[in-house]
């Protein structure tokens, strides 16, 4: 059984020197597909190029993240101007996209301490939800320190095909997303995260997908994460649920095809 990495950042600088090696290692490990997300317009062309070089294996998602790190080393809350600069490129590449992402809300105090920043993040997310609906594409969603507000906004805007990645909220909040038909992807950092362990215990397997969030959220802190590590997440979920790893891989792969229907054309499950 293989796995689908539903959320990774292969355009990140950490992969600049050896991306081909990383992708070959992923293939050897039985990763079936990589869903590669963007954070800002600067990632877009790299992601499209990767998806063209590895067709049927690398799938691109374009979107504007709630925290912007342009120029490198300076992080700030997203603005409507960031989205306006990105929209023409999303329009240009819309037919090649698997989803709109990474989008969402990030209410971490150092990024969004003021109500004005939170409201602007909400406006950026609303516009991207509506864009996804117009293009009939799923959403690949970030929700740090904002689980409830993110799920509420998605529901209010009528978002349907939604993946909430590395959800950091309470299981009770996540279950509101489950009721709305949303999916939750779990990274390898589950082996060191009590919050993720509690989340998996409460979530039905039918609502769980796998991700790595490479290069972040790996099994070890401060060590570059890679797509091949996705099986660490699958093994830990199996341990918590007291089921076989094969069942976890089978169900999470089918869940990935539900949230990202275009994958069916390539994985044929």
Protein backbone atom coordinates (compact mmCIF):
# COMPACT_ATOMS: atom_id res chain seq x y z
CA UNK A 1 0.00 0.00 0.00
CA UNK A 2 1.15 3.51 -0.82
CA UNK A 3 0.28 6.91 0.65
CA UNK A 4 -0.72 10.35 -0.60
CA UNK A 5 1.13 13.30 0.95
CA UNK A 6 -1.75 15.78 1.03
CA UNK A 7 0.27 18.83 2.06
CA UNK A 8 3.97 19.60 1.49
CA UNK A 9 6.15 22.59 0.58
CA UNK A 10 8.56 21.36 -2.09
CA UNK A 11 9.21 24.89 -3.39
CA UNK A 12 10.83 25.71 -0.02
CA UNK A 13 14.50 26.83 -0.01
CA UNK A 14 15.38 23.74 2.07
CA UNK A 15 14.83 21.57 -1.04
CA UNK A 16 16.63 23.80 -3.53
CA UNK A 17 19.80 21.69 -3.69
CA UNK A 18 18.39 18.14 -3.91
CA UNK A 19 14.73 18.14 -4.91
CA UNK A 20 15.22 15.35 -7.48
CA UNK A 21 16.76 13.11 -4.83
CA UNK A 22 13.91 13.89 -2.38
CA UNK A 23 11.30 13.01 -5.01
CA UNK A 24 13.06 9.77 -5.99
CA UNK A 25 13.27 8.76 -2.31
CA UNK A 26 9.53 9.45 -1.97
CA UNK A 27 8.77 7.25 -4.98
CA UNK A 28 10.97 4.44 -3.66
CA UNK A 29 9.14 4.62 -0.33
CA UNK A 30 5.76 4.05 -2.10
CA UNK A 31 4.45 7.62 -1.91
CA UNK A 32 1.76 7.69 -4.62
CA UNK A 33 1.29 11.44 -5.03
CA UNK A 34 2.55 14.72 -3.59
CA UNK A 35 0.14 17.62 -3.09
CA UNK A 36 2.44 20.66 -3.14
CA UNK A 37 1.12 23.92 -1.67
CA UNK A 38 2.19 27.54 -2.11
CA UNK A 39 2.48 30.31 0.48
CA UNK A 40 2.82 33.34 -1.81
CA UNK A 41 3.08 34.28 -5.49
CA UNK A 42 6.86 33.73 -5.40
CA UNK A 43 6.27 29.97 -5.05
CA UNK A 44 3.82 29.63 -7.94
CA UNK A 45 6.09 29.12 -10.96
CA UNK A 46 8.37 26.69 -9.06
CA UNK A 47 5.36 24.55 -8.13
CA UNK A 48 3.93 24.56 -11.67
CA UNK A 49 7.36 23.62 -13.07
CA UNK A 50 7.67 20.73 -10.59
CA UNK A 51 4.21 19.45 -11.52
CA UNK A 52 5.18 19.57 -15.21
CA UNK A 53 8.48 17.74 -14.60
CA UNK A 54 6.77 15.04 -12.52
CA UNK A 55 3.31 14.65 -14.07
CA UNK A 56 1.00 12.28 -12.25
CA UNK A 57 3.20 12.44 -9.15
CA UNK A 58 3.52 16.12 -8.15
CA UNK A 59 0.24 18.09 -8.04
CA UNK A 60 0.20 21.84 -7.54
CA UNK A 61 -1.97 24.01 -5.31
CA UNK A 62 -1.69 27.79 -5.51
CA UNK A 63 -2.93 30.16 -2.84
CA UNK A 64 -1.94 32.93 -0.43
CA UNK A 65 -1.03 31.92 3.14
CA UNK A 66 -2.22 34.02 6.11
CA UNK A 67 1.42 34.65 7.12
CA UNK A 68 3.74 36.11 4.51
CA UNK A 69 7.54 35.73 4.69
CA UNK A 70 8.57 37.98 1.81
CA UNK A 71 11.36 39.09 1.91
CA UNK A 72 12.87 36.01 3.54
CA UNK A 73 13.29 36.36 7.27
CA UNK A 74 10.48 38.87 7.79
CA UNK A 75 7.10 37.40 8.70
CA UNK A 76 3.87 39.41 8.78
CA UNK A 77 0.13 38.96 8.50
CA UNK A 78 -1.25 38.76 4.94
CA UNK A 79 -2.84 41.78 3.23
CA UNK A 80 -5.37 42.10 0.42
CA UNK A 81 -2.52 43.53 -1.68
CA UNK A 82 -0.68 40.16 -1.39
CA UNK A 83 -3.76 38.42 -2.75
CA UNK A 84 -4.26 40.96 -5.55
CA UNK A 85 -0.69 40.36 -6.73
CA UNK A 86 -1.23 36.58 -6.73
CA UNK A 87 -4.63 36.39 -8.45
CA UNK A 88 -3.44 36.93 -12.06
CA UNK A 89 -1.04 33.99 -11.75
CA UNK A 90 -3.72 31.75 -10.22
CA UNK A 91 -5.95 32.67 -13.15
CA UNK A 92 -3.12 31.87 -15.58
CA UNK A 93 -2.48 28.41 -14.10
CA UNK A 94 -6.03 27.54 -12.97
CA UNK A 95 -6.42 24.55 -15.33
CA UNK A 96 -3.31 22.87 -13.92
CA UNK A 97 -4.29 23.09 -10.24
CA UNK A 98 -5.37 20.33 -7.89
CA UNK A 99 -6.59 22.81 -5.24
CA UNK A 100 -6.39 26.35 -3.90
CA UNK A 101 -3.88 26.46 -1.06
CA UNK A 102 -2.34 27.02 1.29
CA UNK A 103 -4.99 29.41 2.56
CA UNK A 104 -6.49 30.02 5.99
CA UNK A 105 -6.22 31.98 9.22
CA UNK A 106 -3.29 32.39 11.61
CA UNK A 107 -4.12 34.23 14.81
CA UNK A 108 -0.74 33.61 16.49
CA UNK A 109 -0.26 36.85 18.51
CA UNK A 110 3.06 37.81 16.90
CA UNK A 111 1.38 37.80 13.45
CA UNK A 112 -2.14 38.97 14.24
CA UNK A 113 -2.34 40.80 17.56
CA UNK A 114 -4.78 43.44 16.29
CA UNK A 115 -8.41 42.91 15.23
CA UNK A 116 -7.64 44.72 11.96
CA UNK A 117 -5.07 42.07 11.01
CA UNK A 118 -7.49 39.25 11.85
CA UNK A 119 -10.23 40.88 9.78
CA UNK A 120 -7.91 41.34 6.80
CA UNK A 121 -6.94 37.65 7.03
CA UNK A 122 -10.64 36.80 7.02
CA UNK A 123 -11.19 38.94 3.91
CA UNK A 124 -8.28 37.23 2.11
CA UNK A 125 -9.65 33.81 3.06
CA UNK A 126 -13.23 34.69 1.99
CA UNK A 127 -12.00 35.75 -1.44
CA UNK A 128 -9.99 32.54 -1.87
CA UNK A 129 -12.93 30.37 -0.77
CA UNK A 130 -15.09 32.06 -3.41
CA UNK A 131 -12.31 31.62 -5.99
CA UNK A 132 -12.14 27.88 -5.21
CA UNK A 133 -15.90 27.63 -5.62
CA UNK A 134 -15.78 29.44 -8.99
CA UNK A 135 -13.01 27.12 -10.22
CA UNK A 136 -14.63 24.03 -8.65
CA UNK A 137 -11.43 23.26 -6.71
CA UNK A 138 -10.90 22.02 -3.13
CA UNK A 139 -9.20 24.09 -0.42
CA UNK A 140 -5.96 23.17 1.37
CA UNK A 141 -6.27 25.05 4.67
CA UNK A 142 -4.02 26.36 7.47
CA UNK A 143 -5.59 27.24 10.84
CA UNK A 144 -2.97 28.01 13.51
CA UNK A 145 -4.44 29.33 16.78
CA UNK A 146 -7.65 29.81 14.79
CA UNK A 147 -9.33 26.40 14.47
CA UNK A 148 -12.84 27.53 15.42
CA UNK A 149 -12.80 30.78 13.43
CA UNK A 150 -11.45 28.95 10.34
CA UNK A 151 -14.08 26.19 10.41
CA UNK A 152 -16.84 28.73 11.06
CA UNK A 153 -15.75 30.91 8.13
CA UNK A 154 -15.46 27.91 5.79
CA UNK A 155 -18.99 26.81 6.72
CA UNK A 156 -20.37 30.35 6.47
CA UNK A 157 -18.91 30.70 2.96
CA UNK A 158 -20.27 27.33 1.82
CA UNK A 159 -16.88 25.62 1.32
CA UNK A 160 -17.37 21.92 0.64
CA UNK A 161 -14.19 20.05 -0.32
CA UNK A 162 -11.81 21.06 2.47
CA UNK A 163 -8.58 19.66 3.91
CA UNK A 164 -7.53 21.18 7.25
CA UNK A 165 -3.81 20.50 7.56
CA UNK A 166 -1.96 19.94 10.86
CA UNK A 167 -4.97 21.16 12.85
CA UNK A 168 -3.79 22.54 16.22
CA UNK A 169 -7.20 22.99 17.90
CA UNK A 170 -9.21 20.87 20.31
CA UNK A 171 -10.82 17.63 19.12
CA UNK A 172 -14.27 19.08 19.94
CA UNK A 173 -13.62 21.92 17.48
CA UNK A 174 -12.31 19.51 14.83
CA UNK A 175 -15.47 17.42 15.16
CA UNK A 176 -17.46 20.47 14.02
CA UNK A 177 -15.39 20.25 10.82
CA UNK A 178 -16.11 16.52 10.54
CA UNK A 179 -19.85 17.31 10.71
CA UNK A 180 -19.36 19.70 7.78
CA UNK A 181 -17.65 16.92 5.77
CA UNK A 182 -14.11 18.30 6.10
CA UNK A 183 -10.93 16.20 6.24
CA UNK A 184 -7.91 16.56 8.55
CA UNK A 185 -4.36 15.64 7.52
CA UNK A 186 -1.88 14.38 10.10
CA UNK A 187 1.92 14.90 9.88
CA UNK A 188 4.81 12.75 11.20
CA UNK A 189 5.21 15.16 14.16
CA UNK A 190 2.30 13.24 15.72
CA UNK A 191 4.94 11.02 17.35
CA UNK A 192 5.98 14.01 19.54
CA UNK A 193 2.70 15.94 19.74
CA UNK A 194 0.22 15.09 22.48
CA UNK A 195 -2.31 17.42 20.83
CA UNK A 196 -2.14 15.53 17.51
CA UNK A 197 -2.40 12.21 19.34
CA UNK A 198 -5.57 13.35 21.15
CA UNK A 199 -6.95 14.64 17.86
CA UNK A 200 -6.43 11.32 16.06
CA UNK A 201 -7.99 9.41 18.95
CA UNK A 202 -11.22 11.43 18.53
CA UNK A 203 -11.37 11.79 14.74
CA UNK A 204 -12.98 9.00 12.69
CA UNK A 205 -10.48 7.37 10.31
CA UNK A 206 -12.91 8.26 7.48
CA UNK A 207 -12.02 11.95 8.08
CA UNK A 208 -8.23 11.53 8.23
CA UNK A 209 -5.62 12.08 5.50
CA UNK A 210 -1.83 11.96 5.69
CA UNK A 211 0.63 14.80 5.13
CA UNK A 212 4.22 15.69 5.89
CA UNK A 213 4.18 19.51 5.69
CA UNK A 214 7.78 19.03 4.50
CA UNK A 215 10.20 20.57 5.33
CA UNK A 216 8.41 21.24 8.67
CA UNK A 217 6.59 18.96 11.19
CA UNK A 218 8.92 15.99 10.88
CA UNK A 219 9.51 13.26 13.46
CA UNK A 220 12.42 15.26 14.92
CA UNK A 221 12.46 18.98 15.72
CA UNK A 222 14.82 21.15 13.65
CA UNK A 223 15.51 18.30 11.19
CA UNK A 224 14.30 18.71 7.58
CA UNK A 225 11.17 16.66 7.01
CA UNK A 226 10.65 14.83 3.69
CA UNK A 227 7.67 13.17 1.96
CA UNK A 228 9.10 9.67 2.57
CA UNK A 229 8.41 10.22 6.30
CA UNK A 230 4.66 10.08 5.71
CA UNK A 231 4.63 6.41 6.70
CA UNK A 232 5.71 7.42 10.23
CA UNK A 233 2.38 9.25 10.56
CA UNK A 234 0.48 6.23 9.19
CA UNK A 235 2.18 3.87 11.67
CA UNK A 236 1.40 6.09 14.64
CA UNK A 237 -2.25 6.51 13.62
CA UNK A 238 -2.50 2.71 13.35
CA UNK A 239 -1.06 2.38 16.86
CA UNK A 240 -3.56 4.89 18.34
CA UNK A 241 -6.54 3.38 16.50
CA UNK A 242 -5.35 -0.20 17.19
CA UNK A 243 -5.72 -1.18 13.53
CA UNK A 244 -3.28 -2.27 10.82
CA UNK A 245 -1.05 0.17 8.96
CA UNK A 246 -2.54 -1.26 5.74
CA UNK A 247 -6.02 -0.15 6.80
CA UNK A 248 -4.75 3.35 7.62
CA UNK A 249 -3.04 3.60 4.21
CA UNK A 250 -6.07 2.26 2.36
CA UNK A 251 -8.63 4.53 4.05
CA UNK A 252 -6.48 7.68 4.04
CA UNK A 253 -5.70 7.22 0.33
CA UNK A 254 -9.41 6.90 -0.46
CA UNK A 255 -10.03 10.00 1.68
CA UNK A 256 -7.41 11.91 -0.34
CA UNK A 257 -9.28 10.99 -3.53
CA UNK A 258 -12.51 12.30 -1.99
CA UNK A 259 -11.06 15.67 -1.04
CA UNK A 260 -8.96 15.99 -4.25
CA UNK A 261 -11.14 14.36 -6.97
CA UNK A 262 -8.64 15.11 -9.77
CA UNK A 263 -6.26 12.56 -8.22
CA UNK A 264 -8.63 9.78 -9.32
CA UNK A 265 -7.54 10.30 -12.93
CA UNK A 266 -3.99 9.35 -11.95
CA UNK A 267 -4.29 6.90 -9.06
CA UNK A 268 -7.31 5.04 -10.49
CA UNK A 269 -8.69 3.82 -7.16
